[in-house]
Amino acid sequence: MVEVTLWGSLAALAGGKSKVEIEAKDIRELFRKLAEQYPGLEPLIEKGIAVAIDGTIYRDTWSKELPQGAEIFLLPRLAGG
């Protein structure tokens, strides 16, 4: 189980929760389970969300493992390279 902090727009779509606990081993499973539990998040997940794990931002690394006790944030995906 990991605790995930949601930025404002996502929190509003998750029933106003700024933090949620999800049983997920990697980013792919995290996104799948978030979409199942909070269907309003699915369009934003499909559009693209960045995941920060202990301060490192991951944009397309869906297989990145989510370590227990890590600080995990979902952020708007930023354009650029």
C-alpha atoms as a PDB file:
ATOM      1  CA  MET A   1       0.000   0.000   0.000  1.00  0.00           C
ATOM      2  CA  VAL A   2       1.383   3.402  -0.961  1.00  0.00           C
ATOM      3  CA  GLU A   3       0.158   6.865  -0.038  1.00  0.00           C
ATOM      4  CA  VAL A   4      -0.211   9.184  -3.011  1.00  0.00           C
ATOM      5  CA  THR A   5      -0.619  12.966  -2.836  1.00  0.00           C
ATOM      6  CA  LEU A   6      -2.837  14.458  -5.570  1.00  0.00           C
ATOM      7  CA  TRP A   7      -2.497  17.973  -6.953  1.00  0.00           C
ATOM      8  CA  GLY A   8      -5.599  20.217  -6.712  1.00  0.00           C
ATOM      9  CA  SER A   9      -7.403  19.244  -9.930  1.00  0.00           C
ATOM     10  CA  LEU A  10      -6.993  15.541  -9.252  1.00  0.00           C
ATOM     11  CA  ALA A  11      -8.042  15.899  -5.629  1.00  0.00           C
ATOM     12  CA  ALA A  12     -11.313  17.479  -6.725  1.00  0.00           C
ATOM     13  CA  LEU A  13     -11.994  14.455  -8.967  1.00  0.00           C
ATOM     14  CA  ALA A  14     -11.160  12.058  -6.126  1.00  0.00           C
ATOM     15  CA  GLY A  15     -13.935  13.297  -3.882  1.00  0.00           C
ATOM     16  CA  GLY A  16     -11.856  16.139  -2.480  1.00  0.00           C
ATOM     17  CA  LYS A  17      -9.147  13.818  -1.139  1.00  0.00           C
ATOM     18  CA  SER A  18      -5.671  15.280  -1.386  1.00  0.00           C
ATOM     19  CA  LYS A  19      -4.115  11.936  -0.350  1.00  0.00           C
ATOM     20  CA  VAL A  20      -5.210   8.402  -1.183  1.00  0.00           C
ATOM     21  CA  GLU A  21      -3.840   4.988  -0.280  1.00  0.00           C
ATOM     22  CA  ILE A  22      -3.582   2.494  -3.131  1.00  0.00           C
ATOM     23  CA  GLU A  23      -2.287  -1.066  -3.281  1.00  0.00           C
ATOM     24  CA  ALA A  24       0.050  -0.870  -6.302  1.00  0.00           C
ATOM     25  CA  LYS A  25       3.518  -2.167  -7.136  1.00  0.00           C
ATOM     26  CA  ASP A  26       4.331   0.148 -10.059  1.00  0.00           C
ATOM     27  CA  ILE A  27       3.099   3.273 -11.848  1.00  0.00           C
ATOM     28  CA  ARG A  28       1.025   1.289 -14.383  1.00  0.00           C
ATOM     29  CA  GLU A  29      -0.899  -0.483 -11.615  1.00  0.00           C
ATOM     30  CA  LEU A  30      -1.261   2.778  -9.692  1.00  0.00           C
ATOM     31  CA  PHE A  31      -2.920   4.495 -12.664  1.00  0.00           C
ATOM     32  CA  ARG A  32      -5.167   1.491 -13.354  1.00  0.00           C
ATOM     33  CA  LYS A  33      -6.372   1.289  -9.766  1.00  0.00           C
ATOM     34  CA  LEU A  34      -6.864   5.042  -9.475  1.00  0.00           C
ATOM     35  CA  ALA A  35      -9.040   4.977 -12.615  1.00  0.00           C
ATOM     36  CA  GLU A  36     -11.062   2.065 -11.176  1.00  0.00           C
ATOM     37  CA  GLN A  37     -11.621   3.712  -7.791  1.00  0.00           C
ATOM     38  CA  TYR A  38     -12.052   7.272  -9.083  1.00  0.00           C
ATOM     39  CA  PRO A  39     -13.453   7.133 -12.654  1.00  0.00           C
ATOM     40  CA  GLY A  40     -13.308  10.914 -12.976  1.00  0.00           C
ATOM     41  CA  LEU A  41      -9.497  10.690 -12.958  1.00  0.00           C
ATOM     42  CA  GLU A  42      -9.292   8.439 -16.007  1.00  0.00           C
ATOM     43  CA  PRO A  43      -9.403  11.198 -18.680  1.00  0.00           C
ATOM     44  CA  LEU A  44      -6.560  13.067 -16.980  1.00  0.00           C
ATOM     45  CA  ILE A  45      -4.550   9.871 -16.552  1.00  0.00           C
ATOM     46  CA  GLU A  46      -4.978   9.125 -20.263  1.00  0.00           C
ATOM     47  CA  LYS A  47      -3.995  12.693 -21.153  1.00  0.00           C
ATOM     48  CA  GLY A  48      -0.815  12.340 -19.113  1.00  0.00           C
ATOM     49  CA  ILE A  49       0.215  12.743 -15.507  1.00  0.00           C
ATOM     50  CA  ALA A  50       3.709  12.892 -14.081  1.00  0.00           C
ATOM     51  CA  VAL A  51       4.611  10.930 -10.974  1.00  0.00           C
ATOM     52  CA  ALA A  52       7.195  12.194  -8.495  1.00  0.00           C
ATOM     53  CA  ILE A  53       8.754   9.503  -6.317  1.00  0.00           C
ATOM     54  CA  ASP A  54      11.013  10.826  -3.573  1.00  0.00           C
ATOM     55  CA  GLY A  55      11.626  13.991  -5.605  1.00  0.00           C
ATOM     56  CA  THR A  56      12.387  12.345  -8.975  1.00  0.00           C
ATOM     57  CA  ILE A  57       9.793  12.956 -11.707  1.00  0.00           C
ATOM     58  CA  TYR A  58       8.756  10.098 -14.010  1.00  0.00           C
ATOM     59  CA  ARG A  59       6.718  10.826 -17.133  1.00  0.00           C
ATOM     60  CA  ASP A  60       6.598   7.637 -19.193  1.00  0.00           C
ATOM     61  CA  THR A  61       8.224   5.056 -16.943  1.00  0.00           C
ATOM     62  CA  TRP A  62       5.123   2.950 -16.316  1.00  0.00           C
ATOM     63  CA  SER A  63       7.097  -0.008 -14.947  1.00  0.00           C
ATOM     64  CA  LYS A  64       8.833   2.085 -12.247  1.00  0.00           C
ATOM     65  CA  GLU A  65       8.302   0.355  -8.903  1.00  0.00           C
ATOM     66  CA  LEU A  66       6.670   2.229  -6.045  1.00  0.00           C
ATOM     67  CA  PRO A  67       8.792   1.684  -2.931  1.00  0.00           C
ATOM     68  CA  GLN A  68       6.981   1.333   0.387  1.00  0.00           C
ATOM     69  CA  GLY A  69       7.280   4.519   2.433  1.00  0.00           C
ATOM     70  CA  ALA A  70       8.197   6.636  -0.605  1.00  0.00           C
ATOM     71  CA  GLU A  71       6.881  10.163  -0.997  1.00  0.00           C
ATOM     72  CA  ILE A  72       4.665   9.947  -4.108  1.00  0.00           C
ATOM     73  CA  PHE A  73       2.975  12.896  -5.832  1.00  0.00           C
ATOM     74  CA  LEU A  74       0.835  13.008  -8.967  1.00  0.00           C
ATOM     75  CA  LEU A  75       1.490  16.215 -10.900  1.00  0.00           C
ATOM     76  CA  PRO A  76       0.341  17.869 -14.099  1.00  0.00           C
ATOM     77  CA  ARG A  77       2.460  16.700 -16.987  1.00  0.00           C
ATOM     78  CA  LEU A  78       4.745  19.521 -18.077  1.00  0.00           C
ATOM     79  CA  ALA A  79       5.600  20.084 -21.717  1.00  0.00           C
ATOM     80  CA  GLY A  80       9.196  20.272 -22.776  1.00  0.00           C
ATOM     81  CA  GLY A  81      12.218  18.074 -22.933  1.00  0.00           C
END
